[in-house]
Every structure is written in structure tokens, then in C-alpha cells.
């Protein structure tokens, strides 16, 4: 009888509050990035602008993609660039650089500038700060 817990667990406790896990934050950032890119191309329905939008959205976040590989990131891009020259790819990438959506480095390739989304995120609370 001395082994009984004086504080048994509650049977009808509320579910835990949702928290922002790293995977949730990554997912939210991805959704924000996609929305941001679509907004930047809003109302621009030419073949070139659609191709550029699709290209930037296909680039994997956090990774450099060799310029020669951007046209094969997915089937849609392969189709869009099939009858185009390398000059078109260069022009599209340079346009995305001008828009601030991608970074290009010689020898590394291109990467999406997803970090621009940090300007839209609320400031992070320092857990070491007093309450």
C-alpha cells in the first residue's frame, strides 16, 4: 500500500499545445517561399516568366545546383527548355538574380535565396532572456 502514487496522472488532460518543430518551421518556410515567388510573378503570364518562376521553385533550398542541371530538375522544366538554347537558360537565371530570387556563383551554380523570407518572420525570442 505504501507504493501508491499520491499524484496519479490525469485521465482527461488537454492535448499538448502545438509547437513549432524544425520540420514545421521548414514546411512553413517552404510555403512562404512558394507564395512569395508566385507573388513576384503575379500578372506576368509570358512563357519566359512562367519558365523562370518554375525554375526558381524547382531549385532545392539550401543547395547549389550546377547551371547545366537546372533544366532537368523536373519534367516540366525539361519540357520548357527542350527547344531552347543555353543562352535562354543564362538569360532566365540572370533575370532571377536581378529579381533577388537566386544567387549565382561561378563553379557552384545557382541556389534559391530562401533566406529573404527571414525578413517576414517574427523575431525569435531568446530563451535565455528573462520573462
Protein backbone atom coordinates (compact mmCIF):
# COMPACT_ATOMS: atom_id res chain seq x y z
CA UNK A 1 0.00 0.00 0.00
CA UNK A 2 2.96 2.34 0.53
CA UNK A 3 3.79 2.17 -3.21
CA UNK A 4 0.72 4.15 -4.37
CA UNK A 5 1.47 7.37 -6.23
CA UNK A 6 -0.21 10.26 -4.38
CA UNK A 7 -0.46 12.17 -7.70
CA UNK A 8 -1.96 9.84 -10.33
CA UNK A 9 -1.91 11.09 -13.94
CA UNK A 10 -4.96 13.00 -15.10
CA UNK A 11 -7.25 10.93 -17.26
CA UNK A 12 -8.80 13.82 -19.23
CA UNK A 13 -5.87 16.15 -19.71
CA UNK A 14 -5.95 18.62 -22.58
CA UNK A 15 -3.82 17.73 -25.59
CA UNK A 16 -0.45 19.47 -25.65
CA UNK A 17 -0.31 22.84 -27.37
CA UNK A 18 1.16 22.74 -30.87
CA UNK A 19 4.79 23.68 -31.03
CA UNK A 20 6.96 24.79 -33.89
CA UNK A 21 9.28 21.90 -34.60
CA UNK A 22 12.16 22.21 -37.03
CA UNK A 23 10.17 20.26 -39.64
CA UNK A 24 7.13 22.52 -39.10
CA UNK A 25 9.29 25.61 -39.46
CA UNK A 26 10.89 24.21 -42.62
CA UNK A 27 7.46 23.43 -44.05
CA UNK A 28 6.17 26.90 -43.19
CA UNK A 29 9.23 28.49 -44.77
CA UNK A 30 8.72 26.42 -47.92
CA UNK A 31 5.08 27.53 -48.18
CA UNK A 32 6.07 31.15 -47.58
CA UNK A 33 8.79 30.90 -50.26
CA UNK A 34 6.38 29.45 -52.82
CA UNK A 35 3.82 32.18 -52.09
CA UNK A 36 6.49 34.88 -52.30
CA UNK A 37 7.76 33.62 -55.66
CA UNK A 38 4.22 33.38 -57.06
CA UNK A 39 3.54 36.94 -55.86
CA UNK A 40 6.72 38.22 -57.55
CA UNK A 41 5.47 36.80 -60.87
CA UNK A 42 1.82 37.77 -60.38
CA UNK A 43 0.25 39.02 -63.61
CA UNK A 44 3.30 38.08 -65.70
CA UNK A 45 1.98 35.28 -67.88
CA UNK A 46 4.55 35.06 -70.66
CA UNK A 47 6.31 31.79 -71.46
CA UNK A 48 9.60 33.24 -70.26
CA UNK A 49 8.23 34.45 -66.91
CA UNK A 50 6.40 31.15 -66.30
CA UNK A 51 9.60 29.25 -67.11
CA UNK A 52 11.60 31.46 -64.71
CA UNK A 53 9.03 31.02 -61.93
CA UNK A 54 9.04 27.27 -62.38
CA UNK A 55 12.84 27.21 -62.39
CA UNK A 56 13.23 29.08 -59.10
CA UNK A 57 10.55 26.93 -57.44
CA UNK A 58 12.29 23.73 -58.59
CA UNK A 59 15.66 24.67 -57.09
CA UNK A 60 16.27 22.75 -53.85
CA UNK A 61 16.53 25.07 -50.84
CA UNK A 62 19.94 25.17 -49.20
CA UNK A 63 21.73 23.50 -52.11
CA UNK A 64 23.70 24.71 -55.09
CA UNK A 65 22.56 23.33 -58.44
CA UNK A 66 25.00 23.33 -61.36
CA UNK A 67 23.70 25.61 -64.12
CA UNK A 68 23.85 22.70 -66.58
CA UNK A 69 21.41 20.76 -64.37
CA UNK A 70 18.67 23.36 -63.86
CA UNK A 71 16.80 22.32 -66.98
CA UNK A 72 16.48 18.73 -65.77
CA UNK A 73 15.27 19.36 -62.22
CA UNK A 74 11.82 18.11 -63.19
CA UNK A 75 9.83 17.03 -66.22
CA UNK A 76 8.13 20.41 -66.63
CA UNK A 77 11.43 22.28 -66.82
CA UNK A 78 12.88 19.72 -69.20
CA UNK A 79 9.89 20.28 -71.48
CA UNK A 80 10.03 24.08 -71.15
CA UNK A 81 13.72 24.20 -72.07
CA UNK A 82 13.77 21.36 -74.61
CA UNK A 83 13.74 23.62 -77.66
CA UNK A 84 15.72 26.45 -76.01
CA UNK A 85 19.43 27.22 -76.18
CA UNK A 86 21.85 27.63 -73.30
CA UNK A 87 21.54 31.39 -73.91
CA UNK A 88 17.89 31.18 -72.78
CA UNK A 89 18.91 29.37 -69.58
CA UNK A 90 21.56 32.02 -68.89
CA UNK A 91 19.09 34.84 -69.56
CA UNK A 92 16.47 33.27 -67.27
CA UNK A 93 18.97 32.74 -64.45
CA UNK A 94 20.34 36.28 -64.80
CA UNK A 95 16.77 37.60 -64.64
CA UNK A 96 16.18 35.64 -61.41
CA UNK A 97 19.43 37.03 -59.99
CA UNK A 98 18.27 40.58 -60.81
CA UNK A 99 14.97 39.87 -59.06
CA UNK A 100 16.90 38.73 -55.97
CA UNK A 101 15.37 35.26 -56.09
CA UNK A 102 18.53 33.27 -56.78
CA UNK A 103 22.24 33.59 -56.18
CA UNK A 104 24.70 32.50 -58.84
CA UNK A 105 28.35 31.65 -58.27
CA UNK A 106 30.88 30.51 -60.81
CA UNK A 107 31.83 26.90 -60.17
CA UNK A 108 28.94 26.29 -57.77
CA UNK A 109 25.86 27.04 -59.83
CA UNK A 110 22.65 28.63 -58.55
CA UNK A 111 20.61 28.41 -55.37
CA UNK A 112 17.29 29.90 -54.30
CA UNK A 113 17.60 32.83 -51.87
CA UNK A 114 15.05 31.42 -49.42
CA UNK A 115 16.71 33.42 -46.65
CA UNK A 116 14.88 36.53 -47.87
CA UNK A 117 11.89 35.01 -46.07
CA UNK A 118 13.55 35.75 -42.71
CA UNK A 119 12.51 39.39 -43.16
CA UNK A 120 8.88 38.23 -42.94
CA UNK A 121 9.32 36.02 -39.86
CA UNK A 122 8.64 37.31 -36.36
CA UNK A 123 11.77 37.89 -34.30
CA UNK A 124 12.92 34.81 -32.42
CA UNK A 125 12.63 35.00 -28.68
CA UNK A 126 15.88 34.47 -26.85
CA UNK A 127 15.21 31.56 -24.45
CA UNK A 128 17.98 32.82 -22.15
CA UNK A 129 16.25 36.20 -21.71
CA UNK A 130 14.20 36.73 -18.58
CA UNK A 131 10.42 36.68 -18.79
